[in-house]
Amino acid sequence: MIKRSKDNQKIMIKNYITVLLAMSLTMPVAAQTLPARNQIREAREGIKAEVQQKQEEVRNQVREKQAAVKAQVEQKRAEVKAQMEQKREAFKQTLETKRAEVKTQIEAKKTQLKEQLQKVKDERKKKSVEKINEQMQALNERQMKHFTAVLEKIEQVLVKISSRADKAEERGLDVSAARAALDSANVAIAVSRSAIEAQFAKVYTITISGEETLRMDVGKVRQQLQADIAAVRETVKSAHEAAKKSAVTLAQIPKVDEESVEQAETQTETSTTQ
């Protein structure tokens, strides 16, 4: 019994020593676990801060580029607007000058027509021809004014289209095709204005061959006037179609009317602070 008791004591002591040794070995590892975790956490935070700094640098670069592009676009927009207004005013002044010149020519043509109408004995026909002659000239002037007003409206549409293209360009979108279409539309307007200017300067006077051919003489001038007005109308239609094409070309650009991220963030911040 004593021997067995001693053996049990030895076993218990041995087990106790084993436990102590295990604890002595595991304690340093546990003690080292906390500093390692702290180091990993610090490293992660450092990487995160570095990434955030890089992201902020990229944002600043993007903002600077957007600001530079915006400044260039605004300058270009102001130049285009100034040129457009200048051309429009120059065109109006040209028409005023043409109107004065035409008025002088019309008075001279009236005198010539009265002389030619001496071939006609019927007074009623004479008055009718003189009235038709005046109406044709008035119709020409009225139509040219109408076409001029239509071109101005087309120009206003082009300004809006150009403004949309500017905003899209500020966001880095490729609007070169839309710009080309806008240039074509502006050229078409210039061509149409030249046609209006030339047509506005024309004076229509009936040439009387004789009383028996009076209807035919009047008809020839009327047909010529209608053909000339129709030709000018086609130039206005071409300008309208070119403007329409520029709008369609711009609309085909993906995300052309979407706001920039910076604008969206600004609006979000504004709405949350109100």
C-alpha atoms as a PDB file:
ATOM      1  CA  MET A   1       0.000   0.000   0.000  1.00  0.00           C
ATOM      2  CA  ILE A   2       2.774   2.375   0.896  1.00  0.00           C
ATOM      3  CA  LYS A   3       4.553   1.580  -2.360  1.00  0.00           C
ATOM      4  CA  ARG A   4       1.385   2.077  -4.332  1.00  0.00           C
ATOM      5  CA  SER A   5       0.735   5.360  -2.561  1.00  0.00           C
ATOM      6  CA  LYS A   6       4.203   6.526  -3.360  1.00  0.00           C
ATOM      7  CA  ASP A   7       3.721   5.547  -6.989  1.00  0.00           C
ATOM      8  CA  ASN A   8       0.498   7.536  -7.117  1.00  0.00           C
ATOM      9  CA  GLN A   9       2.214  10.536  -5.623  1.00  0.00           C
ATOM     10  CA  LYS A  10       4.970  10.273  -8.225  1.00  0.00           C
ATOM     11  CA  ILE A  11       2.348  10.132 -10.969  1.00  0.00           C
ATOM     12  CA  MET A  12       0.533  13.161  -9.569  1.00  0.00           C
ATOM     13  CA  ILE A  13       3.784  15.113  -9.251  1.00  0.00           C
ATOM     14  CA  LYS A  14       4.723  14.129 -12.787  1.00  0.00           C
ATOM     15  CA  ASN A  15       1.357  15.281 -14.092  1.00  0.00           C
ATOM     16  CA  TYR A  16       1.643  18.533 -12.184  1.00  0.00           C
ATOM     17  CA  ILE A  17       5.093  19.189 -13.604  1.00  0.00           C
ATOM     18  CA  THR A  18       3.769  18.446 -17.094  1.00  0.00           C
ATOM     19  CA  VAL A  19       0.996  20.953 -16.597  1.00  0.00           C
ATOM     20  CA  LEU A  20       3.442  23.583 -15.357  1.00  0.00           C
ATOM     21  CA  LEU A  21       5.722  22.995 -18.341  1.00  0.00           C
ATOM     22  CA  ALA A  22       2.790  23.288 -20.729  1.00  0.00           C
ATOM     23  CA  MET A  23       1.719  26.513 -19.112  1.00  0.00           C
ATOM     24  CA  SER A  24       5.249  27.884 -19.275  1.00  0.00           C
ATOM     25  CA  LEU A  25       5.403  27.118 -22.976  1.00  0.00           C
ATOM     26  CA  THR A  26       1.970  28.469 -23.882  1.00  0.00           C
ATOM     27  CA  MET A  27       2.145  31.694 -21.872  1.00  0.00           C
ATOM     28  CA  PRO A  28       4.762  33.408 -24.092  1.00  0.00           C
ATOM     29  CA  VAL A  29       2.767  32.527 -27.227  1.00  0.00           C
ATOM     30  CA  ALA A  30      -0.397  33.999 -25.783  1.00  0.00           C
ATOM     31  CA  ALA A  31       1.535  37.036 -24.639  1.00  0.00           C
ATOM     32  CA  GLN A  32       2.876  37.501 -28.160  1.00  0.00           C
ATOM     33  CA  THR A  33      -0.579  37.207 -29.812  1.00  0.00           C
ATOM     34  CA  LEU A  34      -1.874  40.653 -28.755  1.00  0.00           C
ATOM     35  CA  PRO A  35       1.113  42.683 -30.093  1.00  0.00           C
ATOM     36  CA  ALA A  36       0.921  40.793 -33.400  1.00  0.00           C
ATOM     37  CA  ARG A  37      -2.726  41.641 -33.785  1.00  0.00           C
ATOM     38  CA  ASN A  38      -1.985  45.254 -33.008  1.00  0.00           C
ATOM     39  CA  GLN A  39       0.717  45.302 -35.666  1.00  0.00           C
ATOM     40  CA  ILE A  40      -1.638  43.812 -38.244  1.00  0.00           C
ATOM     41  CA  ARG A  41      -4.331  46.326 -37.324  1.00  0.00           C
ATOM     42  CA  GLU A  42      -1.869  49.204 -37.568  1.00  0.00           C
ATOM     43  CA  ALA A  43      -0.656  47.940 -40.939  1.00  0.00           C
ATOM     44  CA  ARG A  44      -4.205  47.708 -42.239  1.00  0.00           C
ATOM     45  CA  GLU A  45      -5.019  51.180 -41.013  1.00  0.00           C
ATOM     46  CA  GLY A  46      -1.861  52.489 -42.625  1.00  0.00           C
ATOM     47  CA  ILE A  47      -2.760  50.883 -45.953  1.00  0.00           C
ATOM     48  CA  LYS A  48      -6.303  52.200 -45.672  1.00  0.00           C
ATOM     49  CA  ALA A  49      -5.063  55.735 -44.978  1.00  0.00           C
ATOM     50  CA  GLU A  50      -2.657  55.492 -47.902  1.00  0.00           C
ATOM     51  CA  VAL A  51      -5.432  54.306 -50.227  1.00  0.00           C
ATOM     52  CA  GLN A  52      -7.697  57.121 -49.070  1.00  0.00           C
ATOM     53  CA  GLN A  53      -4.920  59.614 -49.665  1.00  0.00           C
ATOM     54  CA  LYS A  54      -4.364  58.256 -53.173  1.00  0.00           C
ATOM     55  CA  GLN A  55      -8.089  58.397 -53.863  1.00  0.00           C
ATOM     56  CA  GLU A  56      -8.232  61.992 -52.713  1.00  0.00           C
ATOM     57  CA  GLU A  57      -5.255  62.857 -54.916  1.00  0.00           C
ATOM     58  CA  VAL A  58      -6.989  61.277 -57.900  1.00  0.00           C
ATOM     59  CA  ARG A  59     -10.202  63.178 -57.100  1.00  0.00           C
ATOM     60  CA  ASN A  60      -8.266  66.435 -56.908  1.00  0.00           C
ATOM     61  CA  GLN A  61      -6.621  65.726 -60.254  1.00  0.00           C
ATOM     62  CA  VAL A  62     -10.014  64.948 -61.802  1.00  0.00           C
ATOM     63  CA  ARG A  63     -11.492  68.139 -60.350  1.00  0.00           C
ATOM     64  CA  GLU A  64      -8.590  70.186 -61.701  1.00  0.00           C
ATOM     65  CA  LYS A  65      -8.980  68.667 -65.158  1.00  0.00           C
ATOM     66  CA  GLN A  66     -12.741  69.210 -65.077  1.00  0.00           C
ATOM     67  CA  ALA A  67     -12.232  72.823 -63.995  1.00  0.00           C
ATOM     68  CA  ALA A  68      -9.746  73.402 -66.817  1.00  0.00           C
ATOM     69  CA  VAL A  69     -12.070  71.811 -69.380  1.00  0.00           C
ATOM     70  CA  LYS A  70     -15.010  73.805 -68.010  1.00  0.00           C
ATOM     71  CA  ALA A  71     -13.071  77.055 -68.312  1.00  0.00           C
ATOM     72  CA  GLN A  72     -12.112  76.250 -71.897  1.00  0.00           C
ATOM     73  CA  VAL A  73     -15.667  75.265 -72.769  1.00  0.00           C
ATOM     74  CA  GLU A  74     -17.121  78.417 -71.213  1.00  0.00           C
ATOM     75  CA  GLN A  75     -14.633  80.574 -73.074  1.00  0.00           C
ATOM     76  CA  LYS A  76     -15.448  78.803 -76.324  1.00  0.00           C
ATOM     77  CA  ARG A  77     -19.165  79.131 -75.601  1.00  0.00           C
ATOM     78  CA  ALA A  78     -18.811  82.878 -75.025  1.00  0.00           C
ATOM     79  CA  GLU A  79     -16.832  83.257 -78.251  1.00  0.00           C
ATOM     80  CA  VAL A  80     -19.391  81.288 -80.260  1.00  0.00           C
ATOM     81  CA  LYS A  81     -22.247  83.287 -78.768  1.00  0.00           C
ATOM     82  CA  ALA A  82     -20.510  86.572 -79.536  1.00  0.00           C
ATOM     83  CA  GLN A  83     -19.799  85.488 -83.116  1.00  0.00           C
ATOM     84  CA  MET A  84     -23.393  84.352 -83.555  1.00  0.00           C
ATOM     85  CA  GLU A  85     -24.795  87.647 -82.316  1.00  0.00           C
ATOM     86  CA  GLN A  86     -22.334  89.552 -84.463  1.00  0.00           C
ATOM     87  CA  LYS A  87     -23.344  87.623 -87.580  1.00  0.00           C
ATOM     88  CA  ARG A  88     -27.017  88.091 -86.772  1.00  0.00           C
ATOM     89  CA  GLU A  89     -26.665  91.848 -86.341  1.00  0.00           C
ATOM     90  CA  ALA A  90     -24.560  92.129 -89.474  1.00  0.00           C
ATOM     91  CA  PHE A  91     -27.223  90.218 -91.399  1.00  0.00           C
ATOM     92  CA  LYS A  92     -29.983  92.519 -90.122  1.00  0.00           C
ATOM     93  CA  GLN A  93     -27.983  95.598 -91.090  1.00  0.00           C
ATOM     94  CA  THR A  94     -27.367  94.139 -94.534  1.00  0.00           C
ATOM     95  CA  LEU A  95     -31.105  93.573 -95.008  1.00  0.00           C
ATOM     96  CA  GLU A  96     -31.830  97.138 -93.939  1.00  0.00           C
ATOM     97  CA  THR A  97     -29.343  98.399 -96.495  1.00  0.00           C
ATOM     98  CA  LYS A  98     -30.845  96.142 -99.156  1.00  0.00           C
ATOM     99  CA  ARG A  99     -34.328  97.359 -98.267  1.00  0.00           C
ATOM    100  CA  ALA A 100     -33.331 100.962 -98.896  1.00  0.00           C
ATOM    101  CA  GLU A 101     -31.695 100.036-102.205  1.00  0.00           C
ATOM    102  CA  VAL A 102     -34.705  97.949-103.281  1.00  0.00           C
ATOM    103  CA  LYS A 103     -37.109 100.717-102.396  1.00  0.00           C
ATOM    104  CA  THR A 104     -35.312 103.079-104.754  1.00  0.00           C
ATOM    105  CA  GLN A 105     -35.338 100.458-107.518  1.00  0.00           C
ATOM    106  CA  ILE A 106     -39.033  99.727-106.981  1.00  0.00           C
ATOM    107  CA  GLU A 107     -39.947 103.358-107.462  1.00  0.00           C
ATOM    108  CA  ALA A 108     -37.967 103.456-110.691  1.00  0.00           C
ATOM    109  CA  LYS A 109     -39.620 100.229-111.898  1.00  0.00           C
ATOM    110  CA  LYS A 110     -43.075 101.611-111.117  1.00  0.00           C
ATOM    111  CA  THR A 111     -42.409 104.518-113.435  1.00  0.00           C
ATOM    112  CA  GLN A 112     -41.298 102.154-116.169  1.00  0.00           C
ATOM    113  CA  LEU A 113     -44.381  99.974-115.653  1.00  0.00           C
ATOM    114  CA  LYS A 114     -46.700 102.962-115.963  1.00  0.00           C
ATOM    115  CA  GLU A 115     -45.053 103.816-119.256  1.00  0.00           C
ATOM    116  CA  GLN A 116     -45.478 100.255-120.503  1.00  0.00           C
ATOM    117  CA  LEU A 117     -49.122 100.155-119.376  1.00  0.00           C
ATOM    118  CA  GLN A 118     -49.904 102.896-121.861  1.00  0.00           C
ATOM    119  CA  LYS A 119     -50.173 100.035-124.339  1.00  0.00           C
ATOM    120  CA  VAL A 120     -53.245  98.835-122.414  1.00  0.00           C
ATOM    121  CA  LYS A 121     -56.498 100.694-123.002  1.00  0.00           C
ATOM    122  CA  ASP A 122     -58.543  99.011-120.257  1.00  0.00           C
ATOM    123  CA  GLU A 123     -58.076 101.108-117.065  1.00  0.00           C
ATOM    124  CA  ARG A 124     -59.305  98.303-114.875  1.00  0.00           C
ATOM    125  CA  LYS A 125     -56.594  96.005-116.223  1.00  0.00           C
ATOM    126  CA  LYS A 126     -53.965  98.701-115.696  1.00  0.00           C
ATOM    127  CA  LYS A 127     -54.866  99.101-112.034  1.00  0.00           C
ATOM    128  CA  SER A 128     -54.976  95.340-111.592  1.00  0.00           C
ATOM    129  CA  VAL A 129     -51.485  94.905-113.061  1.00  0.00           C
ATOM    130  CA  GLU A 130     -50.061  97.699-110.870  1.00  0.00           C
ATOM    131  CA  LYS A 131     -51.627  96.122-107.779  1.00  0.00           C
ATOM    132  CA  ILE A 132     -50.295  92.673-108.634  1.00  0.00           C
ATOM    133  CA  ASN A 133     -46.838  94.177-109.208  1.00  0.00           C
ATOM    134  CA  GLU A 134     -46.877  95.772-105.737  1.00  0.00           C
ATOM    135  CA  GLN A 135     -48.185  92.594-104.127  1.00  0.00           C
ATOM    136  CA  MET A 136     -45.398  90.492-105.590  1.00  0.00           C
ATOM    137  CA  GLN A 137     -42.724  92.746-104.148  1.00  0.00           C
ATOM    138  CA  ALA A 138     -44.477  92.815-100.770  1.00  0.00           C
ATOM    139  CA  LEU A 139     -44.794  89.014-100.823  1.00  0.00           C
ATOM    140  CA  ASN A 140     -41.098  88.631-101.492  1.00  0.00           C
ATOM    141  CA  GLU A 141     -40.153  90.895 -98.589  1.00  0.00           C
ATOM    142  CA  ARG A 142     -42.659  89.228 -96.246  1.00  0.00           C
ATOM    143  CA  GLN A 143     -41.386  85.741 -97.084  1.00  0.00           C
ATOM    144  CA  MET A 144     -37.754  86.733 -96.578  1.00  0.00           C
ATOM    145  CA  LYS A 145     -38.598  88.201 -93.164  1.00  0.00           C
ATOM    146  CA  HIS A 146     -40.378  84.980 -92.274  1.00  0.00           C
ATOM    147  CA  PHE A 147     -37.426  82.850 -93.336  1.00  0.00           C
ATOM    148  CA  THR A 148     -35.099  85.111 -91.341  1.00  0.00           C
ATOM    149  CA  ALA A 149     -37.220  84.582 -88.218  1.00  0.00           C
ATOM    150  CA  VAL A 150     -37.187  80.818 -88.785  1.00  0.00           C
ATOM    151  CA  LEU A 151     -33.391  80.813 -89.013  1.00  0.00           C
ATOM    152  CA  GLU A 152     -33.161  82.724 -85.744  1.00  0.00           C
ATOM    153  CA  LYS A 153     -35.297  80.069 -84.045  1.00  0.00           C
ATOM    154  CA  ILE A 154     -33.095  77.353 -85.502  1.00  0.00           C
ATOM    155  CA  GLU A 155     -30.070  79.169 -84.128  1.00  0.00           C
ATOM    156  CA  GLN A 156     -31.650  79.270 -80.677  1.00  0.00           C
ATOM    157  CA  VAL A 157     -32.125  75.516 -80.853  1.00  0.00           C
ATOM    158  CA  LEU A 158     -28.480  75.100 -81.844  1.00  0.00           C
ATOM    159  CA  VAL A 159     -27.437  77.159 -78.820  1.00  0.00           C
ATOM    160  CA  LYS A 160     -29.296  74.739 -76.546  1.00  0.00           C
ATOM    161  CA  ILE A 161     -27.796  71.737 -78.324  1.00  0.00           C
ATOM    162  CA  SER A 162     -24.340  73.275 -78.047  1.00  0.00           C
ATOM    163  CA  SER A 163     -24.887  73.887 -74.336  1.00  0.00           C
ATOM    164  CA  ARG A 164     -25.771  70.214 -73.817  1.00  0.00           C
ATOM    165  CA  ALA A 165     -22.650  69.230 -75.760  1.00  0.00           C
ATOM    166  CA  ASP A 166     -20.544  71.546 -73.575  1.00  0.00           C
ATOM    167  CA  LYS A 167     -21.834  69.919 -70.391  1.00  0.00           C
ATOM    168  CA  ALA A 168     -21.176  66.471 -71.809  1.00  0.00           C
ATOM    169  CA  GLU A 169     -17.669  67.482 -72.824  1.00  0.00           C
ATOM    170  CA  GLU A 170     -16.995  68.771 -69.310  1.00  0.00           C
ATOM    171  CA  ARG A 171     -17.711  65.252 -68.064  1.00  0.00           C
ATOM    172  CA  GLY A 172     -15.184  63.798 -70.479  1.00  0.00           C
ATOM    173  CA  LEU A 173     -17.590  62.458 -73.098  1.00  0.00           C
ATOM    174  CA  ASP A 174     -16.611  62.415 -76.767  1.00  0.00           C
ATOM    175  CA  VAL A 175     -18.857  64.945 -78.506  1.00  0.00           C
ATOM    176  CA  SER A 176     -16.781  65.370 -81.665  1.00  0.00           C
ATOM    177  CA  ALA A 177     -19.530  63.937 -83.882  1.00  0.00           C
ATOM    178  CA  ALA A 178     -22.082  66.295 -82.372  1.00  0.00           C
ATOM    179  CA  ARG A 179     -19.681  69.218 -82.837  1.00  0.00           C
ATOM    180  CA  ALA A 180     -19.269  68.337 -86.497  1.00  0.00           C
ATOM    181  CA  ALA A 181     -23.044  68.185 -86.915  1.00  0.00           C
ATOM    182  CA  LEU A 182     -23.404  71.570 -85.219  1.00  0.00           C
ATOM    183  CA  ASP A 183     -20.791  73.049 -87.551  1.00  0.00           C
ATOM    184  CA  SER A 184     -22.702  71.695 -90.542  1.00  0.00           C
ATOM    185  CA  ALA A 185     -25.913  73.235 -89.217  1.00  0.00           C
ATOM    186  CA  ASN A 186     -24.222  76.613 -88.784  1.00  0.00           C
ATOM    187  CA  VAL A 187     -22.893  76.402 -92.341  1.00  0.00           C
ATOM    188  CA  ALA A 188     -26.404  75.600 -93.587  1.00  0.00           C
ATOM    189  CA  ILE A 189     -27.723  78.676 -91.762  1.00  0.00           C
ATOM    190  CA  ALA A 190     -25.028  80.833 -93.347  1.00  0.00           C
ATOM    191  CA  VAL A 191     -25.926  79.478 -96.801  1.00  0.00           C
ATOM    192  CA  SER A 192     -29.611  80.148 -96.196  1.00  0.00           C
ATOM    193  CA  ARG A 193     -28.917  83.698 -95.048  1.00  0.00           C
ATOM    194  CA  SER A 194     -26.916  84.361 -98.176  1.00  0.00           C
ATOM    195  CA  ALA A 195     -29.846  83.085-100.237  1.00  0.00           C
ATOM    196  CA  ILE A 196     -32.269  85.321 -98.312  1.00  0.00           C
ATOM    197  CA  GLU A 197     -30.004  88.309 -98.774  1.00  0.00           C
ATOM    198  CA  ALA A 198     -29.787  87.733-102.531  1.00  0.00           C
ATOM    199  CA  GLN A 199     -33.517  87.147-102.846  1.00  0.00           C
ATOM    200  CA  PHE A 200     -34.348  90.191-100.748  1.00  0.00           C
ATOM    201  CA  ALA A 201     -32.441  92.371-103.191  1.00  0.00           C
ATOM    202  CA  LYS A 202     -34.486  91.224-106.193  1.00  0.00           C
ATOM    203  CA  VAL A 203     -37.083  93.525-107.695  1.00  0.00           C
ATOM    204  CA  TYR A 204     -39.994  91.974-109.587  1.00  0.00           C
ATOM    205  CA  THR A 205     -41.626  94.070-112.257  1.00  0.00           C
ATOM    206  CA  ILE A 206     -44.061  92.967-114.930  1.00  0.00           C
ATOM    207  CA  THR A 207     -42.877  93.626-118.454  1.00  0.00           C
ATOM    208  CA  ILE A 208     -45.824  94.422-120.746  1.00  0.00           C
ATOM    209  CA  SER A 209     -45.603  93.140-124.294  1.00  0.00           C
ATOM    210  CA  GLY A 210     -49.146  94.111-125.231  1.00  0.00           C
ATOM    211  CA  GLU A 211     -52.744  94.023-124.043  1.00  0.00           C
ATOM    212  CA  GLU A 212     -53.421  90.680-125.680  1.00  0.00           C
ATOM    213  CA  THR A 213     -50.508  89.017-123.818  1.00  0.00           C
ATOM    214  CA  LEU A 214     -51.136  90.778-120.506  1.00  0.00           C
ATOM    215  CA  ARG A 215     -52.151  87.632-118.590  1.00  0.00           C
ATOM    216  CA  MET A 216     -49.127  85.753-119.860  1.00  0.00           C
ATOM    217  CA  ASP A 217     -46.775  88.616-118.956  1.00  0.00           C
ATOM    218  CA  VAL A 218     -48.097  88.702-115.406  1.00  0.00           C
ATOM    219  CA  GLY A 219     -47.969  84.914-115.103  1.00  0.00           C
ATOM    220  CA  LYS A 220     -44.300  84.728-116.067  1.00  0.00           C
ATOM    221  CA  VAL A 221     -43.230  87.099-113.292  1.00  0.00           C
ATOM    222  CA  ARG A 222     -45.429  85.365-110.735  1.00  0.00           C
ATOM    223  CA  GLN A 223     -43.972  81.982-111.613  1.00  0.00           C
ATOM    224  CA  GLN A 224     -40.451  83.342-111.374  1.00  0.00           C
ATOM    225  CA  LEU A 225     -41.164  84.827-107.951  1.00  0.00           C
ATOM    226  CA  GLN A 226     -42.668  81.585-106.676  1.00  0.00           C
ATOM    227  CA  ALA A 227     -39.716  79.564-107.988  1.00  0.00           C
ATOM    228  CA  ASP A 228     -37.220  81.916-106.360  1.00  0.00           C
ATOM    229  CA  ILE A 229     -39.032  81.828-103.006  1.00  0.00           C
ATOM    230  CA  ALA A 230     -39.229  78.043-103.179  1.00  0.00           C
ATOM    231  CA  ALA A 231     -35.466  77.860-103.751  1.00  0.00           C
ATOM    232  CA  VAL A 232     -34.823  79.954-100.640  1.00  0.00           C
ATOM    233  CA  ARG A 233     -37.313  77.840 -98.679  1.00  0.00           C
ATOM    234  CA  GLU A 234     -35.263  74.750 -99.509  1.00  0.00           C
ATOM    235  CA  THR A 235     -32.171  76.332 -97.949  1.00  0.00           C
ATOM    236  CA  VAL A 236     -34.158  76.994 -94.770  1.00  0.00           C
ATOM    237  CA  LYS A 237     -35.338  73.373 -94.756  1.00  0.00           C
ATOM    238  CA  SER A 238     -31.750  72.229 -95.154  1.00  0.00           C
ATOM    239  CA  ALA A 239     -30.753  74.318 -92.141  1.00  0.00           C
ATOM    240  CA  HIS A 240     -33.615  72.824 -90.149  1.00  0.00           C
ATOM    241  CA  GLU A 241     -32.655  69.276 -91.110  1.00  0.00           C
ATOM    242  CA  ALA A 242     -29.014  69.949 -90.218  1.00  0.00           C
ATOM    243  CA  ALA A 243     -30.057  71.248 -86.793  1.00  0.00           C
ATOM    244  CA  LYS A 244     -32.243  68.182 -86.282  1.00  0.00           C
ATOM    245  CA  LYS A 245     -29.351  65.925 -87.221  1.00  0.00           C
ATOM    246  CA  SER A 246     -27.085  67.617 -84.685  1.00  0.00           C
ATOM    247  CA  ALA A 247     -29.681  67.027 -81.956  1.00  0.00           C
ATOM    248  CA  VAL A 248     -30.022  63.346 -82.906  1.00  0.00           C
ATOM    249  CA  THR A 249     -26.247  62.895 -83.073  1.00  0.00           C
ATOM    250  CA  LEU A 250     -25.840  64.343 -79.589  1.00  0.00           C
ATOM    251  CA  ALA A 251     -28.694  62.252 -78.191  1.00  0.00           C
ATOM    252  CA  GLN A 252     -27.010  59.068 -79.442  1.00  0.00           C
ATOM    253  CA  ILE A 253     -24.032  59.626 -77.121  1.00  0.00           C
ATOM    254  CA  PRO A 254     -24.405  57.294 -74.095  1.00  0.00           C
ATOM    255  CA  LYS A 255     -25.184  59.078 -70.802  1.00  0.00           C
ATOM    256  CA  VAL A 256     -25.059  62.475 -72.527  1.00  0.00           C
ATOM    257  CA  ASP A 257     -27.611  64.068 -70.203  1.00  0.00           C
ATOM    258  CA  GLU A 258     -26.486  62.424 -66.970  1.00  0.00           C
ATOM    259  CA  GLU A 259     -25.027  64.621 -64.279  1.00  0.00           C
ATOM    260  CA  SER A 260     -21.412  64.300 -63.246  1.00  0.00           C
ATOM    261  CA  VAL A 261     -20.551  62.531 -60.000  1.00  0.00           C
ATOM    262  CA  GLU A 262     -19.340  65.787 -58.510  1.00  0.00           C
ATOM    263  CA  GLN A 263     -22.627  67.536 -59.365  1.00  0.00           C
ATOM    264  CA  ALA A 264     -24.638  64.651 -57.910  1.00  0.00           C
ATOM    265  CA  GLU A 265     -22.598  64.727 -54.695  1.00  0.00           C
ATOM    266  CA  THR A 266     -23.029  68.488 -54.450  1.00  0.00           C
ATOM    267  CA  GLN A 267     -26.785  68.229 -54.879  1.00  0.00           C
ATOM    268  CA  THR A 268     -26.952  65.405 -52.328  1.00  0.00           C
ATOM    269  CA  GLU A 269     -24.987  67.427 -49.793  1.00  0.00           C
ATOM    270  CA  THR A 270     -27.205  70.451 -50.418  1.00  0.00           C
ATOM    271  CA  SER A 271     -30.408  68.455 -50.009  1.00  0.00           C
ATOM    272  CA  THR A 272     -29.209  66.856 -46.773  1.00  0.00           C
ATOM    273  CA  THR A 273     -28.203  70.174 -45.235  1.00  0.00           C
ATOM    274  CA  GLN A 274     -31.526  71.861 -45.979  1.00  0.00           C
END
